[in-house]
Amino acid sequence: MNSKIDWIAADIERLTPEVTLHGLPSSKKLDEEHLPFTVKVVRNAVELRKAIQIRHAAYNRHVPALAEILKSAEPLDTEDGVVVLLAESKLDGSPIGTMRIQTNRYRPLSLEQSIPLPPALALRPLAEATRLGVTEERVGRLVKTVLFKAYYLYCQQVGIEWMIIAGRTPIDRQYDRLLFKDVYPDLGYVNLAYANNMPHRILSFEVNAAEANWASAHHPLFDFMVRTAHPDIDLRDSAPFVPEARRNRSITQHGMLTA
């Protein structure tokens, strides 16, 4: 098994019916908590526009220069191996948060355009979270935490071994608190092309070791992340949606839907 696609596919095949959406044995009963909003995978153009609305507004508050290029969808949003998450208020359906997750199943992670990852890491199943944005409302901190949990659950669901994230100062400190570690401890901050060349720290987090690490650290989010089921996080049918033009092109070229 030499190719990256082969070993990722093998990891996915090892997932069994005895493993739930949360990556825990189905016999293990969890506390259940309902949220004032839902988190789901974007499946159509309307939902993607909602995610872009939040993405642009969030970046416009903090990095207006980058926000200028985030007014519309990016090509990566609809590529294979990529999902966009959308948080929506239960009260009125308004968008309140978003995150994009890219796996390296089909291509290297976006940050690898700016800096190579160590070979021992680059050749493992990875997922990078980018374009995180939430509203400024009081619920924003909770939305961000739930989006992170959705990222973690998604990685469990599809067999990802390492979560990768790039954080600019001071946002990188929140990933320190979540027990992410520097990929290059002595390197410091790296200018990233997809972030308007702003300096970011590159951090990683081992998915399979998460529960043990949070437990040993008596992490305040341990119960929230591990012992609580959140039915409002819906990652079923988590393949990215295919835009209509691309869908039609696939049918025309291959006589069947392949993308």
Protein backbone atom coordinates (compact mmCIF):
# COMPACT_ATOMS: atom_id res chain seq x y z
CA MET A 1 0.00 0.00 0.00
CA ASN A 2 2.00 2.92 -1.28
CA SER A 3 -0.37 5.72 -2.15
CA LYS A 4 -1.88 8.21 0.24
CA ILE A 5 -5.36 7.42 -1.11
CA ASP A 6 -4.88 3.72 -0.41
CA TRP A 7 -4.07 4.08 3.26
CA ILE A 8 -6.78 6.65 3.88
CA ALA A 9 -9.30 4.34 2.21
CA ALA A 10 -8.08 1.50 4.41
CA ASP A 11 -8.57 3.60 7.53
CA ILE A 12 -12.12 4.44 6.47
CA GLU A 13 -12.89 0.77 5.79
CA ARG A 14 -11.87 -0.08 9.36
CA LEU A 15 -14.81 1.96 10.67
CA THR A 16 -17.51 -0.52 11.72
CA PRO A 17 -21.25 -0.28 12.49
CA GLU A 18 -20.36 -0.61 16.17
CA VAL A 19 -18.83 2.88 16.03
CA THR A 20 -21.28 5.73 16.32
CA LEU A 21 -21.15 9.15 14.68
CA HIS A 22 -19.23 10.34 17.74
CA GLY A 23 -16.57 7.66 17.31
CA LEU A 24 -17.50 5.98 20.59
CA PRO A 25 -18.86 2.46 21.15
CA SER A 26 -22.61 2.45 20.63
CA SER A 27 -23.07 0.73 24.00
CA LYS A 28 -21.55 3.68 25.82
CA LYS A 29 -24.37 5.94 26.96
CA LEU A 30 -23.67 9.65 26.75
CA ASP A 31 -25.36 12.59 28.35
CA GLU A 32 -27.41 14.45 25.76
CA GLU A 33 -27.40 18.20 25.36
CA HIS A 34 -29.44 20.27 22.93
CA LEU A 35 -28.12 23.54 21.53
CA PRO A 36 -29.90 26.73 20.42
CA PHE A 37 -28.47 26.16 16.95
CA THR A 38 -27.60 23.36 14.54
CA VAL A 39 -24.34 22.49 12.80
CA LYS A 40 -24.47 20.65 9.49
CA VAL A 41 -22.52 20.03 6.32
CA VAL A 42 -23.35 22.46 3.52
CA ARG A 43 -25.26 20.59 0.80
CA ASN A 44 -26.48 23.27 -1.62
CA ALA A 45 -25.75 26.71 -3.01
CA VAL A 46 -28.14 28.47 -0.61
CA GLU A 47 -26.37 27.01 2.43
CA LEU A 48 -22.98 27.84 0.95
CA ARG A 49 -24.04 31.47 0.49
CA LYS A 50 -25.00 31.58 4.17
CA ALA A 51 -21.59 30.24 5.15
CA ILE A 52 -19.86 32.80 2.93
CA GLN A 53 -21.93 35.58 4.47
CA ILE A 54 -20.64 34.70 7.94
CA ARG A 55 -17.10 34.06 6.68
CA HIS A 56 -16.86 37.48 5.04
CA ALA A 57 -18.41 39.32 8.00
CA ALA A 58 -16.06 37.64 10.51
CA TYR A 59 -12.91 38.35 8.53
CA ASN A 60 -14.05 41.87 7.75
CA ARG A 61 -14.03 42.65 11.47
CA HIS A 62 -10.46 41.48 12.00
CA VAL A 63 -8.62 41.30 8.66
CA PRO A 64 -10.47 43.51 6.13
CA ALA A 65 -7.82 43.05 3.45
CA LEU A 66 -8.42 39.29 3.42
CA ALA A 67 -12.19 39.73 3.68
CA GLU A 68 -12.17 41.44 0.29
CA ILE A 69 -11.40 38.14 -1.42
CA LEU A 70 -13.92 36.21 0.69
CA LYS A 71 -17.07 37.83 -0.62
CA SER A 72 -17.81 34.83 -2.82
CA ALA A 73 -17.15 31.10 -2.79
CA GLU A 74 -13.58 29.88 -3.19
CA PRO A 75 -12.75 27.01 -5.55
CA LEU A 76 -11.69 24.86 -2.59
CA ASP A 77 -15.18 25.08 -1.08
CA THR A 78 -16.53 22.52 -3.55
CA GLU A 79 -13.48 20.33 -4.16
CA ASP A 80 -13.40 16.61 -3.40
CA GLY A 81 -12.28 15.88 0.15
CA VAL A 82 -13.60 19.22 1.43
CA VAL A 83 -16.66 20.02 3.52
CA VAL A 84 -18.01 23.36 4.70
CA LEU A 85 -19.82 23.40 8.05
CA LEU A 86 -22.67 25.81 8.74
CA ALA A 87 -24.16 26.73 12.11
CA GLU A 88 -27.71 28.10 11.98
CA SER A 89 -29.95 29.53 14.67
CA LYS A 90 -32.94 27.36 15.52
CA LEU A 91 -34.95 30.51 16.18
CA ASP A 92 -34.92 31.96 12.68
CA GLY A 93 -32.52 29.90 10.57
CA SER A 94 -29.98 32.71 10.38
CA PRO A 95 -26.33 31.72 9.87
CA ILE A 96 -24.16 32.20 12.95
CA GLY A 97 -20.96 30.27 12.22
CA THR A 98 -18.94 28.37 9.65
CA MET A 99 -15.75 26.35 9.19
CA ARG A 100 -14.16 24.62 6.22
CA ILE A 101 -12.45 21.24 6.58
CA GLN A 102 -10.05 19.90 3.93
CA THR A 103 -8.63 16.39 4.10
CA ASN A 104 -5.48 15.37 2.24
CA ARG A 105 -7.18 12.43 0.60
CA TYR A 106 -7.04 14.00 -2.87
CA ARG A 107 -4.40 16.72 -2.61
CA PRO A 108 -2.01 18.27 -0.07
CA LEU A 109 -3.48 20.62 2.50
CA SER A 110 -3.75 24.29 1.58
CA LEU A 111 -1.05 25.35 4.04
CA GLU A 112 1.41 23.06 2.24
CA GLN A 113 1.50 25.63 -0.56
CA SER A 114 3.44 27.81 1.87
CA ILE A 115 5.37 25.31 3.99
CA PRO A 116 5.97 21.56 3.67
CA LEU A 117 4.87 19.38 6.54
CA PRO A 118 7.35 16.87 8.01
CA PRO A 119 7.19 13.67 5.91
CA ALA A 120 6.14 11.57 8.90
CA LEU A 121 3.08 13.81 9.23
CA ALA A 122 2.39 14.65 5.59
CA LEU A 123 1.99 10.96 4.71
CA ARG A 124 -0.73 10.35 7.30
CA PRO A 125 -4.49 11.06 7.02
CA LEU A 126 -4.82 14.78 7.82
CA ALA A 127 -7.56 17.39 7.95
CA GLU A 128 -7.01 21.14 8.05
CA ALA A 129 -9.65 23.54 9.38
CA THR A 130 -9.77 27.00 7.80
CA ARG A 131 -12.13 29.92 7.25
CA LEU A 132 -13.57 29.78 10.77
CA GLY A 133 -16.05 32.55 11.40
CA VAL A 134 -18.77 33.26 13.97
CA THR A 135 -21.08 36.15 14.75
CA GLU A 136 -20.19 38.74 17.35
CA GLU A 137 -23.22 37.82 19.47
CA ARG A 138 -22.83 36.38 22.96
CA VAL A 139 -23.43 32.90 21.59
CA GLY A 140 -20.37 33.23 19.33
CA ARG A 141 -17.96 31.55 21.76
CA LEU A 142 -20.24 28.53 22.11
CA VAL A 143 -20.65 28.34 18.33
CA LYS A 144 -16.88 28.29 17.90
CA THR A 145 -16.52 25.51 20.48
CA VAL A 146 -19.24 23.43 18.84
CA LEU A 147 -17.68 23.91 15.39
CA PHE A 148 -14.41 22.62 16.83
CA LYS A 149 -16.23 19.59 18.22
CA ALA A 150 -17.80 19.02 14.81
CA TYR A 151 -14.32 19.17 13.28
CA TYR A 152 -13.10 16.59 15.79
CA LEU A 153 -16.10 14.31 15.21
CA TYR A 154 -15.75 14.60 11.45
CA CYS A 155 -12.11 13.52 11.72
CA GLN A 156 -13.14 10.50 13.78
CA GLN A 157 -15.88 9.67 11.31
CA VAL A 158 -13.66 9.58 8.21
CA GLY A 159 -10.52 8.09 9.75
CA ILE A 160 -8.34 11.19 10.08
CA GLU A 161 -5.33 10.76 12.38
CA TRP A 162 -4.16 14.36 12.77
CA MET A 163 -6.05 17.64 12.89
CA ILE A 164 -4.00 20.51 11.47
CA ILE A 165 -4.68 24.18 12.01
CA ALA A 166 -2.91 27.48 11.41
CA GLY A 167 -3.48 30.23 13.95
CA ARG A 168 -2.46 33.86 13.84
CA THR A 169 -1.76 35.74 17.04
CA PRO A 170 -3.60 35.92 19.41
CA ILE A 171 -6.02 33.29 18.08
CA ASP A 172 -3.30 30.65 18.22
CA ARG A 173 -3.52 30.70 22.02
CA GLN A 174 -6.96 29.13 21.94
CA TYR A 175 -5.44 26.11 20.17
CA ASP A 176 -2.72 25.92 22.80
CA ARG A 177 -5.51 25.65 25.36
CA LEU A 178 -7.05 22.81 23.35
CA LEU A 179 -3.65 21.01 23.58
CA PHE A 180 -2.59 21.46 19.96
CA LYS A 181 1.20 21.30 19.52
CA ASP A 182 3.53 23.19 17.19
CA VAL A 183 4.50 21.20 14.12
CA TYR A 184 7.76 23.17 13.99
CA PRO A 185 8.40 24.37 17.59
CA ASP A 186 11.50 26.37 16.64
CA LEU A 187 10.09 27.97 13.52
CA GLY A 188 7.58 30.39 14.97
CA TYR A 189 5.14 32.04 12.58
CA VAL A 190 4.88 31.29 8.85
CA ASN A 191 3.41 33.54 6.17
CA LEU A 192 0.51 31.69 4.52
CA ALA A 193 -0.47 32.40 0.93
CA TYR A 194 -4.17 31.63 1.46
CA ALA A 195 -4.27 34.03 4.43
CA ASN A 196 -2.99 37.08 2.57
CA ASN A 197 0.56 36.15 3.64
CA MET A 198 -0.18 36.86 7.29
CA PRO A 199 2.03 34.99 9.80
CA HIS A 200 0.51 31.90 11.41
CA ARG A 201 1.69 29.12 13.71
CA ILE A 202 1.19 25.62 12.32
CA LEU A 203 -0.26 23.30 14.95
CA SER A 204 -1.34 19.67 15.06
CA PHE A 205 -3.51 17.48 17.25
CA GLU A 206 -3.64 13.67 17.31
CA VAL A 207 -7.26 12.56 17.00
CA ASN A 208 -6.90 9.09 18.51
CA ALA A 209 -5.04 10.42 21.54
CA ALA A 210 -7.47 13.27 22.19
CA GLU A 211 -9.64 11.59 24.82
CA ALA A 212 -6.67 10.36 26.85
CA ASN A 213 -4.85 13.67 26.61
CA TRP A 214 -7.89 15.72 27.65
CA ALA A 215 -8.59 13.33 30.52
CA SER A 216 -5.02 13.38 31.86
CA ALA A 217 -4.98 17.18 31.66
CA HIS A 218 -8.36 17.43 33.43
CA HIS A 219 -9.37 19.62 30.52
CA PRO A 220 -12.49 21.72 31.17
CA LEU A 221 -13.93 20.67 27.81
CA PHE A 222 -13.47 16.93 28.39
CA ASP A 223 -17.09 16.23 29.31
CA PHE A 224 -18.36 18.49 26.52
CA MET A 225 -16.19 16.86 23.88
CA VAL A 226 -16.26 13.23 25.00
CA ARG A 227 -19.10 12.49 27.40
CA THR A 228 -21.87 14.59 25.88
CA ALA A 229 -23.88 13.80 22.76
CA HIS A 230 -25.03 16.79 20.74
CA PRO A 231 -27.80 15.72 18.35
CA ASP A 232 -27.74 19.18 16.80
CA ILE A 233 -24.34 18.39 15.26
CA ASP A 234 -25.39 16.50 12.14
CA LEU A 235 -22.51 15.09 10.11
CA ARG A 236 -24.50 12.47 8.26
CA ASP A 237 -24.14 12.48 4.50
CA SER A 238 -20.90 14.38 4.92
CA ALA A 239 -19.67 14.29 1.33
CA PRO A 240 -19.33 17.83 -0.04
CA PHE A 241 -22.10 19.01 -2.32
CA VAL A 242 -21.52 19.15 -6.06
CA PRO A 243 -22.50 22.41 -7.80
CA GLU A 244 -25.06 21.93 -10.55
CA ALA A 245 -22.70 22.84 -13.40
CA ARG A 246 -20.10 20.36 -12.19
CA ARG A 247 -22.76 17.70 -11.60
CA ASN A 248 -24.06 18.09 -15.16
CA ARG A 249 -20.52 18.00 -16.57
CA SER A 250 -19.81 14.72 -14.78
CA ILE A 251 -22.98 13.14 -16.12
CA THR A 252 -22.20 14.32 -19.65
CA GLN A 253 -18.61 13.12 -19.62
CA HIS A 254 -19.11 9.78 -17.93
CA GLY A 255 -22.75 8.94 -18.46
CA MET A 256 -23.20 8.78 -14.70
CA LEU A 257 -22.71 10.94 -11.62
CA THR A 258 -19.10 10.54 -10.56
CA ALA A 259 -18.20 13.79 -8.78
